[in-house]
Amino acid sequence: MRACSGSVRHEWRRPTDIALDHAAGEIPGLGDELGMSYGTFGAEVVPGTFVVRSIGVGIVPVVVELLQVEVGEERGQQRDKTARRRPSERAVAGAQRGTTWMGQAVVGGDERVRIVVTGASRFLGRLLAGALLRAGAFGGEPISRLVLVDRVAWPDDSQGAGAPVQVVHGELLEHLDTVFAEPVDVLFHLSAAVSAECEADFDLGMRANVDATRALLEAARAQSREGGPVVRMLFASSVAVYGSHPALPLPPAVSETTVPAPRSSYGTQKLMCEHLIADCTRRGFIDGRVVRLMTVAVRPGRPNAAASGFLSGIVREPLAGLPAVCPVDPGLKVALSSPRRTVAGILRVAEAERGSGPGRLDGPLPVNLPALTVSVADMLATLRQVAGDTVADRVTVTPDPAVEALVGSWPAVFDHQRAAALGLGPDPSFLSVLQDYLTDHPDAVATPLD
């Protein structure tokens, strides 16, 4: 094992037996010898030595050298164990590369992150990609490459300055080899078939949501199994994982501890993916983080196939001089988040360090991004207040029982404590949401407002 200049740190979230055996030359059963089945590890590469340090599990350093494994004191007992062979070629190769923090190459002090965004050409994907390009860094480390994946073509004029951009155009399932041709450090999985699409076409929803997510997890698992970095994966789930049912009514305020009981194929598929990600994280294949998105409004551009799309349409279309239909009773309350707050929440959860205390991501539960609770009537009243009667009168209320049943099954009031611990909060009012839209999309307004 060659000497590496300086020292670097790496957090491993994987089964201890795998992590320690890998570091120690794949010594069978070392994790069992330590009496642990799972943990979070820190590692350092120092001249001539590969050091694995346990974080938060009460064990003093495990030191893996060229031929010897020295196990520090555990629960008052001193144990020594000598390896019968040198570290494996894979372990040596990893040390020579420089064991990395989130898979970033560190030899010579060059720490960079390769980030993949799926669904990158869609609304939230474009906003997230833009935020990453402007920052040029993730978690304080430079971005070496931003890989943008979508079956919809990426606008050529949207790449801008910052990290080099690689565009992968096509179906995700057909391009995984390209996505993982180089080590992936961070993966934002935003691509999905949306709610109404999944209700209309069950097979489409399963393929686009469940099969694609499982394929990504398998690719990430293979990467770590071959000695590559453990992918930090941020999955965009949905408030649709919750649902109201007479046998399991929702509490007055929903939190991450509320039992999900989806009432749609879309919500069921998102929940299936959540469980897959949680299990892969438990097993150490990935470092998975799940955010449950509220309805994001106001979205610019053309309507999408989401059942909740009308919540943007009843504002966007009238401002553009077009008629709009509200398919629900205006008294219906909904949980909203502005695009700005949504992207900020996604980035915050992705970048957060794990652990307890303010600002850290504690435990395995998803994070419900903060919601503004507002009625559709209040949204229309705010539109009238800001844009005037002529604009507001372009909205016609025509109830659609299917849309009402789907959107009405989603909770509207949330407990924000978990998100608040990460410094996140909801939009203060729908007026602020509307003002953000007018500021960010002045060309979307047909007639200048007073």
Protein backbone atom coordinates (compact mmCIF):
# COMPACT_ATOMS: atom_id res chain seq x y z
CA MET A 1 0.00 0.00 0.00
CA ARG A 2 1.71 3.18 -1.09
CA ALA A 3 1.93 6.23 1.09
CA CYS A 4 -0.56 8.99 0.40
CA SER A 5 0.23 12.55 1.29
CA GLY A 6 -1.81 13.99 4.11
CA SER A 7 -4.99 12.37 5.35
CA VAL A 8 -8.53 12.33 4.08
CA ARG A 9 -11.87 11.30 5.50
CA HIS A 10 -14.60 9.09 4.14
CA GLU A 11 -17.96 8.23 5.67
CA TRP A 12 -19.07 4.69 4.92
CA ARG A 13 -22.68 3.67 5.35
CA ARG A 14 -22.60 -0.02 4.73
CA PRO A 15 -22.70 -3.26 6.72
CA THR A 16 -19.68 -3.38 8.99
CA ASP A 17 -18.75 -6.86 7.91
CA ILE A 18 -18.49 -5.64 4.31
CA ALA A 19 -16.81 -2.34 5.17
CA LEU A 20 -14.20 -3.77 7.50
CA ASP A 21 -13.53 -6.90 5.49
CA HIS A 22 -13.00 -4.73 2.42
CA ALA A 23 -10.61 -2.42 4.24
CA ALA A 24 -8.71 -5.25 5.89
CA GLY A 25 -8.20 -7.36 2.82
CA GLU A 26 -11.62 -9.04 3.01
CA ILE A 27 -10.91 -10.85 6.28
CA PRO A 28 -13.96 -13.09 6.73
CA GLY A 29 -16.10 -12.32 9.73
CA LEU A 30 -14.27 -9.26 11.05
CA GLY A 31 -17.55 -7.40 11.45
CA ASP A 32 -18.89 -10.33 13.44
CA GLU A 33 -15.70 -10.36 15.52
CA LEU A 34 -16.44 -6.78 16.51
CA GLY A 35 -19.94 -7.79 17.54
CA MET A 36 -21.63 -5.32 15.18
CA SER A 37 -23.74 -5.79 12.10
CA TYR A 38 -24.03 -2.23 10.84
CA GLY A 39 -22.54 1.19 11.42
CA THR A 40 -21.31 4.44 9.92
CA PHE A 41 -17.56 4.55 9.42
CA GLY A 42 -14.98 7.23 8.86
CA ALA A 43 -11.71 6.35 7.16
CA GLU A 44 -8.32 7.97 6.79
CA VAL A 45 -5.46 7.21 4.44
CA VAL A 46 -2.14 8.14 6.03
CA PRO A 47 1.37 7.18 4.92
CA GLY A 48 1.61 3.40 5.01
CA THR A 49 -1.60 2.88 6.96
CA PHE A 50 -5.29 2.49 6.23
CA VAL A 51 -7.32 3.61 9.23
CA VAL A 52 -11.01 2.90 9.74
CA ARG A 53 -12.70 4.78 12.54
CA SER A 54 -16.18 4.02 13.80
CA ILE A 55 -18.49 7.02 14.18
CA GLY A 56 -21.22 6.97 16.79
CA VAL A 57 -21.10 3.29 17.67
CA GLY A 58 -18.73 3.37 20.64
CA ILE A 59 -15.65 1.63 19.25
CA VAL A 60 -12.14 3.04 19.47
CA PRO A 61 -10.23 2.93 16.13
CA VAL A 62 -9.84 -0.19 14.05
CA VAL A 63 -6.46 0.07 12.31
CA VAL A 64 -5.74 -1.94 9.19
CA GLU A 65 -2.07 -1.95 8.23
CA LEU A 66 -0.15 -3.96 5.66
CA LEU A 67 -0.39 -7.23 7.54
CA GLN A 68 -2.07 -6.55 10.84
CA VAL A 69 -5.50 -5.55 12.10
CA GLU A 70 -5.46 -3.90 15.49
CA VAL A 71 -8.86 -3.66 17.14
CA GLY A 72 -9.20 -0.99 19.80
CA GLU A 73 -10.97 -1.38 23.08
CA GLU A 74 -14.62 -2.32 22.78
CA ARG A 75 -16.87 -2.43 25.82
CA GLY A 76 -13.93 -2.71 28.16
CA GLN A 77 -12.26 -5.60 26.33
CA GLN A 78 -9.00 -5.45 24.37
CA ARG A 79 -8.89 -7.58 21.22
CA ASP A 80 -6.13 -8.15 18.69
CA LYS A 81 -6.49 -9.94 15.42
CA THR A 82 -3.78 -10.53 12.82
CA ALA A 83 -4.64 -10.89 9.16
CA ARG A 84 -3.29 -13.92 7.32
CA ARG A 85 -2.80 -12.05 4.09
CA ARG A 86 -2.14 -8.62 2.69
CA PRO A 87 -5.02 -6.27 1.85
CA SER A 88 -6.91 -7.21 -1.29
CA GLU A 89 -6.05 -5.61 -4.61
CA ARG A 90 -9.36 -3.76 -4.48
CA ALA A 91 -8.57 -2.33 -1.05
CA VAL A 92 -5.07 -1.30 -2.17
CA ALA A 93 -6.49 0.30 -5.30
CA GLY A 94 -8.98 2.23 -3.22
CA ALA A 95 -6.23 3.46 -0.91
CA GLN A 96 -4.02 4.41 -3.83
CA ARG A 97 -6.83 6.42 -5.34
CA GLY A 98 -7.24 7.96 -1.95
CA THR A 99 -10.18 6.72 0.08
CA THR A 100 -12.74 9.39 -0.56
CA TRP A 101 -15.44 11.50 1.01
CA MET A 102 -18.57 10.70 -0.99
CA GLY A 103 -16.32 9.09 -3.62
CA GLN A 104 -14.37 12.23 -4.47
CA ALA A 105 -10.81 11.72 -5.69
CA VAL A 106 -8.50 13.06 -3.02
CA VAL A 107 -4.96 12.14 -4.08
CA GLY A 108 -3.13 15.41 -4.42
CA GLY A 109 -5.93 17.25 -2.64
CA ASP A 110 -8.29 17.25 -5.65
CA GLU A 111 -11.75 16.63 -4.20
CA ARG A 112 -14.53 16.83 -6.76
CA VAL A 113 -18.06 15.53 -7.08
CA ARG A 114 -19.82 13.98 -10.08
CA ILE A 115 -23.56 14.63 -9.80
CA VAL A 116 -26.39 13.04 -11.78
CA VAL A 117 -29.87 14.59 -12.06
CA THR A 118 -32.67 12.49 -13.56
CA GLY A 119 -35.70 14.28 -14.93
CA ALA A 120 -33.33 17.17 -15.59
CA SER A 121 -35.29 18.73 -18.45
CA ARG A 122 -38.51 18.99 -16.44
CA PHE A 123 -39.42 22.01 -14.37
CA LEU A 124 -37.86 21.07 -11.03
CA GLY A 125 -34.92 19.36 -12.71
CA ARG A 126 -34.05 22.53 -14.62
CA LEU A 127 -34.29 24.61 -11.46
CA LEU A 128 -32.12 22.18 -9.51
CA ALA A 129 -29.54 21.94 -12.29
CA GLY A 130 -29.43 25.72 -12.50
CA ALA A 131 -28.88 26.02 -8.74
CA LEU A 132 -26.04 23.48 -8.86
CA LEU A 133 -24.42 25.19 -11.84
CA ARG A 134 -24.56 28.58 -10.15
CA ALA A 135 -23.09 27.18 -6.94
CA GLY A 136 -20.44 25.13 -8.72
CA ALA A 137 -20.11 23.04 -5.56
CA PHE A 138 -21.95 20.49 -3.44
CA GLY A 139 -21.36 20.25 0.29
CA GLY A 140 -18.47 22.66 -0.08
CA GLU A 141 -16.71 20.52 -2.70
CA PRO A 142 -16.33 21.49 -6.38
CA ILE A 143 -18.57 19.75 -8.89
CA SER A 144 -16.45 18.01 -11.52
CA ARG A 145 -19.37 17.16 -13.79
CA LEU A 146 -23.13 17.59 -13.80
CA VAL A 147 -24.87 14.78 -15.72
CA LEU A 148 -28.38 15.74 -16.86
CA VAL A 149 -30.59 12.79 -17.80
CA ASP A 150 -34.03 13.00 -19.42
CA ARG A 151 -35.98 11.62 -22.35
CA VAL A 152 -36.92 15.24 -23.12
CA ALA A 153 -34.13 17.18 -24.81
CA TRP A 154 -32.19 19.61 -22.63
CA PRO A 155 -32.31 23.24 -23.88
CA ASP A 156 -28.93 24.05 -25.47
CA ASP A 157 -28.88 27.57 -24.08
CA SER A 158 -29.48 26.52 -20.46
CA GLN A 159 -26.09 25.07 -19.55
CA GLY A 160 -24.50 28.32 -18.51
CA ALA A 161 -21.28 28.67 -16.55
CA GLY A 162 -20.03 26.45 -13.76
CA ALA A 163 -19.29 22.73 -13.74
CA PRO A 164 -18.95 20.89 -17.07
CA VAL A 165 -22.31 19.52 -18.19
CA GLN A 166 -22.98 16.13 -19.78
CA VAL A 167 -26.43 15.66 -21.31
CA VAL A 168 -27.84 12.13 -21.58
CA HIS A 169 -30.93 12.21 -23.80
CA GLY A 170 -33.23 9.19 -23.78
CA GLU A 171 -35.00 6.71 -21.55
CA LEU A 172 -33.23 6.30 -18.22
CA LEU A 173 -33.45 2.51 -18.27
CA GLU A 174 -31.62 2.44 -21.61
CA HIS A 175 -28.76 4.72 -20.55
CA LEU A 176 -27.64 3.46 -17.14
CA ASP A 177 -24.29 2.33 -18.54
CA THR A 178 -23.63 5.88 -19.71
CA VAL A 179 -24.73 7.39 -16.42
CA PHE A 180 -22.45 5.05 -14.42
CA ALA A 181 -19.57 5.01 -16.94
CA GLU A 182 -17.68 7.09 -14.36
CA PRO A 183 -18.23 6.95 -10.59
CA VAL A 184 -21.40 8.70 -9.45
CA ASP A 185 -21.06 10.52 -6.13
CA VAL A 186 -24.47 12.20 -5.82
CA LEU A 187 -27.71 11.26 -7.55
CA PHE A 188 -30.86 13.38 -7.59
CA HIS A 189 -33.66 11.10 -8.78
CA LEU A 190 -36.48 13.41 -9.88
CA SER A 191 -37.79 11.64 -12.99
CA ALA A 192 -41.23 10.08 -12.66
CA ALA A 193 -44.57 9.48 -14.28
CA VAL A 194 -47.00 11.77 -12.46
CA SER A 195 -50.26 11.07 -10.68
CA ALA A 196 -52.90 11.22 -13.42
CA GLU A 197 -50.59 9.37 -15.85
CA CYS A 198 -50.21 6.53 -13.35
CA GLU A 199 -53.95 6.28 -12.80
CA ALA A 200 -54.55 6.15 -16.55
CA ASP A 201 -51.73 3.69 -17.32
CA PHE A 202 -50.66 1.35 -14.50
CA ASP A 203 -47.85 -0.24 -16.53
CA LEU A 204 -46.40 3.16 -17.40
CA GLY A 205 -46.29 4.13 -13.72
CA MET A 206 -44.64 0.88 -12.67
CA ARG A 207 -42.04 1.13 -15.42
CA ALA A 208 -41.21 4.82 -15.02
CA ASN A 209 -41.39 4.95 -11.23
CA VAL A 210 -40.62 1.55 -9.73
CA ASP A 211 -38.56 -0.22 -12.41
CA ALA A 212 -36.40 2.83 -13.14
CA THR A 213 -35.73 3.43 -9.44
CA ARG A 214 -34.82 -0.19 -8.83
CA ALA A 215 -32.46 -0.14 -11.81
CA LEU A 216 -30.72 2.94 -10.43
CA LEU A 217 -30.36 1.25 -7.05
CA GLU A 218 -28.86 -1.85 -8.65
CA ALA A 219 -26.36 0.26 -10.60
CA ALA A 220 -25.39 2.18 -7.45
CA ARG A 221 -25.08 -1.07 -5.53
CA ALA A 222 -22.82 -2.54 -8.22
CA GLN A 223 -20.63 0.57 -8.11
CA SER A 224 -20.03 0.29 -4.36
CA ARG A 225 -19.61 -3.49 -4.56
CA GLU A 226 -16.77 -2.99 -7.04
CA GLY A 227 -14.99 -0.62 -4.67
CA GLY A 228 -16.45 2.64 -6.02
CA PRO A 229 -18.06 5.38 -3.94
CA VAL A 230 -21.30 4.82 -2.06
CA VAL A 231 -23.81 6.99 -3.91
CA ARG A 232 -25.62 9.68 -1.95
CA MET A 233 -29.09 9.43 -3.49
CA LEU A 234 -31.84 12.01 -3.05
CA PHE A 235 -35.25 10.65 -4.06
CA ALA A 236 -38.16 12.97 -4.75
CA SER A 237 -41.22 11.30 -3.26
CA SER A 238 -44.63 12.85 -2.76
CA VAL A 239 -47.34 13.83 -0.32
CA ALA A 240 -49.40 11.30 -2.31
CA VAL A 241 -47.96 8.49 -0.15
CA TYR A 242 -50.54 9.59 2.43
CA GLY A 243 -54.24 9.06 2.02
CA SER A 244 -57.38 9.36 4.06
CA HIS A 245 -59.41 6.21 4.64
CA PRO A 246 -62.29 5.57 7.07
CA ALA A 247 -60.37 2.68 8.60
CA LEU A 248 -57.21 4.79 8.98
CA PRO A 249 -58.09 8.48 9.28
CA LEU A 250 -55.33 11.03 9.06
CA PRO A 251 -54.33 12.96 12.21
CA PRO A 252 -54.98 16.72 12.37
CA ALA A 253 -51.35 17.34 11.34
CA VAL A 254 -49.41 14.75 9.36
CA SER A 255 -45.77 14.02 10.18
CA GLU A 256 -43.15 11.55 9.05
CA THR A 257 -44.37 9.12 11.72
CA THR A 258 -47.89 9.06 10.25
CA VAL A 259 -48.58 5.71 8.58
CA PRO A 260 -48.68 6.18 4.79
CA ALA A 261 -51.81 4.74 3.17
CA PRO A 262 -51.78 5.91 -0.46
CA ARG A 263 -55.04 6.10 -2.36
CA SER A 264 -53.54 6.20 -5.84
CA SER A 265 -51.17 4.14 -7.98
CA TYR A 266 -48.75 7.07 -8.05
CA GLY A 267 -48.62 7.31 -4.26
CA THR A 268 -48.25 3.53 -3.96
CA GLN A 269 -45.35 3.50 -6.42
CA LYS A 270 -43.60 6.34 -4.61
CA LEU A 271 -43.99 4.49 -1.30
CA MET A 272 -42.59 1.29 -2.84
CA CYS A 273 -39.53 3.25 -3.94
CA GLU A 274 -39.16 4.79 -0.48
CA HIS A 275 -39.00 1.33 1.07
CA LEU A 276 -36.47 0.09 -1.49
CA ILE A 277 -34.24 3.10 -0.83
CA ALA A 278 -34.54 2.68 2.94
CA ASP A 279 -33.52 -0.98 2.73
CA CYS A 280 -30.61 -0.28 0.39
CA THR A 281 -29.45 2.40 2.83
CA ARG A 282 -29.81 0.04 5.78
CA ARG A 283 -27.66 -2.49 3.98
CA GLY A 284 -25.08 0.12 3.07
CA PHE A 285 -25.54 -0.07 -0.71
CA ILE A 286 -26.31 3.67 -0.90
CA ASP A 287 -26.77 6.68 1.35
CA GLY A 288 -30.42 7.35 0.55
CA ARG A 289 -32.38 10.45 1.45
CA VAL A 290 -36.09 10.85 0.71
CA VAL A 291 -37.98 14.13 0.50
CA ARG A 292 -41.74 14.14 0.16
CA LEU A 293 -42.72 17.04 -2.05
CA MET A 294 -45.85 19.07 -1.57
CA THR A 295 -47.76 20.29 -4.63
CA VAL A 296 -45.34 22.72 -6.27
CA ALA A 297 -47.05 25.91 -7.43
CA VAL A 298 -46.97 28.08 -9.37
CA ARG A 299 -45.31 26.18 -12.22
CA PRO A 300 -44.66 28.06 -15.47
CA GLY A 301 -45.15 26.71 -18.98
CA ARG A 302 -47.61 24.18 -20.26
CA PRO A 303 -49.81 22.05 -17.98
CA ASN A 304 -48.53 18.60 -17.06
CA ALA A 305 -50.48 15.41 -16.43
CA ALA A 306 -50.46 15.68 -12.63
CA ALA A 307 -53.88 15.64 -10.96
CA SER A 308 -52.77 18.66 -8.96
CA GLY A 309 -51.71 20.58 -12.06
CA PHE A 310 -54.80 22.78 -11.91
CA LEU A 311 -53.38 24.46 -8.78
CA SER A 312 -50.84 26.13 -11.03
CA GLY A 313 -53.23 26.44 -13.98
CA ILE A 314 -55.83 28.54 -12.15
CA VAL A 315 -53.13 31.18 -11.65
CA ARG A 316 -50.86 30.75 -14.66
CA GLU A 317 -53.49 30.67 -17.40
CA PRO A 318 -55.55 33.70 -16.29
CA LEU A 319 -52.36 35.77 -15.96
CA ALA A 320 -51.47 34.74 -19.52
CA GLY A 321 -54.88 35.85 -20.74
CA LEU A 322 -56.27 32.32 -21.03
CA PRO A 323 -59.30 30.64 -19.45
CA ALA A 324 -58.80 28.07 -16.71
CA VAL A 325 -60.96 25.40 -15.08
CA CYS A 326 -60.93 24.68 -11.36
CA PRO A 327 -62.02 21.01 -11.03
CA VAL A 328 -62.54 21.01 -7.23
CA ASP A 329 -64.70 22.75 -4.66
CA PRO A 330 -62.93 26.05 -3.86
CA GLY A 331 -63.24 25.21 -0.18
CA LEU A 332 -60.74 22.35 -0.56
CA LYS A 333 -57.53 22.92 1.39
CA VAL A 334 -54.22 21.89 -0.13
CA ALA A 335 -50.54 21.75 0.84
CA LEU A 336 -48.36 23.90 -1.41
CA SER A 337 -44.72 24.80 -1.74
CA SER A 338 -43.23 27.36 -4.09
CA PRO A 339 -40.57 26.27 -6.59
CA ARG A 340 -37.95 28.28 -4.72
CA ARG A 341 -38.67 26.63 -1.36
CA THR A 342 -38.89 23.18 -2.96
CA VAL A 343 -35.48 23.35 -4.62
CA ALA A 344 -33.93 24.80 -1.47
CA GLY A 345 -35.39 21.89 0.53
CA ILE A 346 -34.10 19.28 -1.91
CA LEU A 347 -30.58 20.69 -1.74
CA ARG A 348 -30.63 21.07 2.03
CA VAL A 349 -31.60 17.46 2.67
CA ALA A 350 -29.09 16.20 0.09
CA GLU A 351 -26.20 18.16 1.58
CA ALA A 352 -27.01 17.59 5.26
CA GLU A 353 -24.57 15.55 7.30
CA ARG A 354 -26.06 12.62 9.16
CA GLY A 355 -26.27 12.70 12.94
CA SER A 356 -28.30 14.16 15.76
CA GLY A 357 -28.75 17.82 16.56
CA PRO A 358 -29.81 20.95 14.66
CA GLY A 359 -28.83 21.00 11.02
CA ARG A 360 -28.18 17.25 10.80
CA LEU A 361 -30.23 14.51 9.20
CA ASP A 362 -31.25 12.29 12.08
CA GLY A 363 -32.52 8.77 11.57
CA PRO A 364 -33.88 6.91 8.55
CA LEU A 365 -37.25 8.65 8.11
CA PRO A 366 -38.08 10.71 5.01
CA VAL A 367 -38.38 14.48 5.28
CA ASN A 368 -41.72 16.08 4.48
CA LEU A 369 -40.80 19.40 2.92
CA PRO A 370 -42.66 22.25 4.65
CA ALA A 371 -46.14 23.03 3.35
CA LEU A 372 -48.22 26.16 3.13
CA THR A 373 -51.82 25.16 3.90
CA VAL A 374 -54.25 27.21 1.84
CA SER A 375 -57.72 26.77 0.36
CA VAL A 376 -58.33 27.02 -3.36
CA ALA A 377 -60.72 29.89 -2.58
CA ASP A 378 -57.90 31.79 -0.85
CA MET A 379 -55.67 31.24 -3.88
CA LEU A 380 -58.33 32.69 -6.19
CA ALA A 381 -58.93 35.60 -3.83
CA THR A 382 -55.21 36.39 -3.83
CA LEU A 383 -55.16 36.28 -7.63
CA ARG A 384 -58.08 38.72 -7.69
CA GLN A 385 -56.34 40.99 -5.17
CA VAL A 386 -53.12 41.15 -7.19
CA ALA A 387 -54.30 40.90 -10.80
CA GLY A 388 -57.82 42.30 -10.69
CA ASP A 389 -61.30 41.10 -11.56
CA THR A 390 -60.75 40.64 -15.29
CA VAL A 391 -57.95 38.16 -14.69
CA ALA A 392 -59.63 36.32 -11.82
CA ASP A 393 -62.91 35.96 -13.72
CA ARG A 394 -61.18 33.81 -16.32
CA VAL A 395 -61.37 30.91 -13.84
CA THR A 396 -64.46 28.70 -14.04
CA VAL A 397 -65.31 26.21 -11.29
CA THR A 398 -66.36 22.90 -12.87
CA PRO A 399 -65.96 20.01 -10.40
CA ASP A 400 -64.40 16.78 -11.67
CA PRO A 401 -65.19 13.93 -9.23
CA ALA A 402 -62.08 11.94 -10.20
CA VAL A 403 -59.72 14.85 -9.57
CA GLU A 404 -61.55 15.83 -6.38
CA ALA A 405 -61.27 12.29 -5.03
CA LEU A 406 -57.55 12.04 -5.79
CA VAL A 407 -56.41 15.46 -4.65
CA GLY A 408 -58.86 15.45 -1.75
CA SER A 409 -57.29 12.26 -0.37
CA TRP A 410 -53.98 14.06 0.22
CA PRO A 411 -53.38 15.74 3.58
CA ALA A 412 -53.27 19.52 3.75
CA VAL A 413 -51.79 20.17 7.20
CA PHE A 414 -48.30 19.03 8.20
CA ASP A 415 -46.09 18.99 11.26
CA HIS A 416 -42.82 20.62 10.13
CA GLN A 417 -40.54 19.73 13.04
CA ARG A 418 -38.24 17.39 11.13
CA ALA A 419 -37.76 19.88 8.29
CA ALA A 420 -37.42 22.78 10.74
CA ALA A 421 -34.47 21.00 12.40
CA LEU A 422 -32.71 21.35 9.03
CA GLY A 423 -33.52 25.05 8.87
CA LEU A 424 -36.43 24.69 6.44
CA GLY A 425 -39.77 26.47 6.65
CA PRO A 426 -42.92 26.92 4.53
CA ASP A 427 -43.79 29.85 2.32
CA PRO A 428 -45.30 32.57 4.53
CA SER A 429 -48.42 33.08 2.38
CA PHE A 430 -49.86 32.45 -1.04
CA LEU A 431 -49.32 36.13 -1.76
CA SER A 432 -45.57 35.55 -1.47
CA VAL A 433 -45.85 32.50 -3.75
CA LEU A 434 -47.67 34.56 -6.37
CA GLN A 435 -45.19 37.43 -6.09
CA ASP A 436 -42.31 34.99 -6.60
CA TYR A 437 -43.97 33.73 -9.77
CA LEU A 438 -44.47 37.25 -11.13
CA THR A 439 -40.85 38.13 -10.35
CA ASP A 440 -39.38 34.98 -11.86
CA HIS A 441 -41.62 34.88 -14.95
CA PRO A 442 -42.53 38.43 -16.01
CA ASP A 443 -43.04 37.31 -19.61
CA ALA A 444 -45.83 34.94 -18.49
CA VAL A 445 -48.16 37.88 -17.79
CA ALA A 446 -50.22 39.02 -20.79
CA THR A 447 -51.09 42.47 -19.43
CA PRO A 448 -48.83 44.42 -17.04
CA LEU A 449 -50.29 44.56 -13.55
CA ASP A 450 -50.76 47.75 -11.61
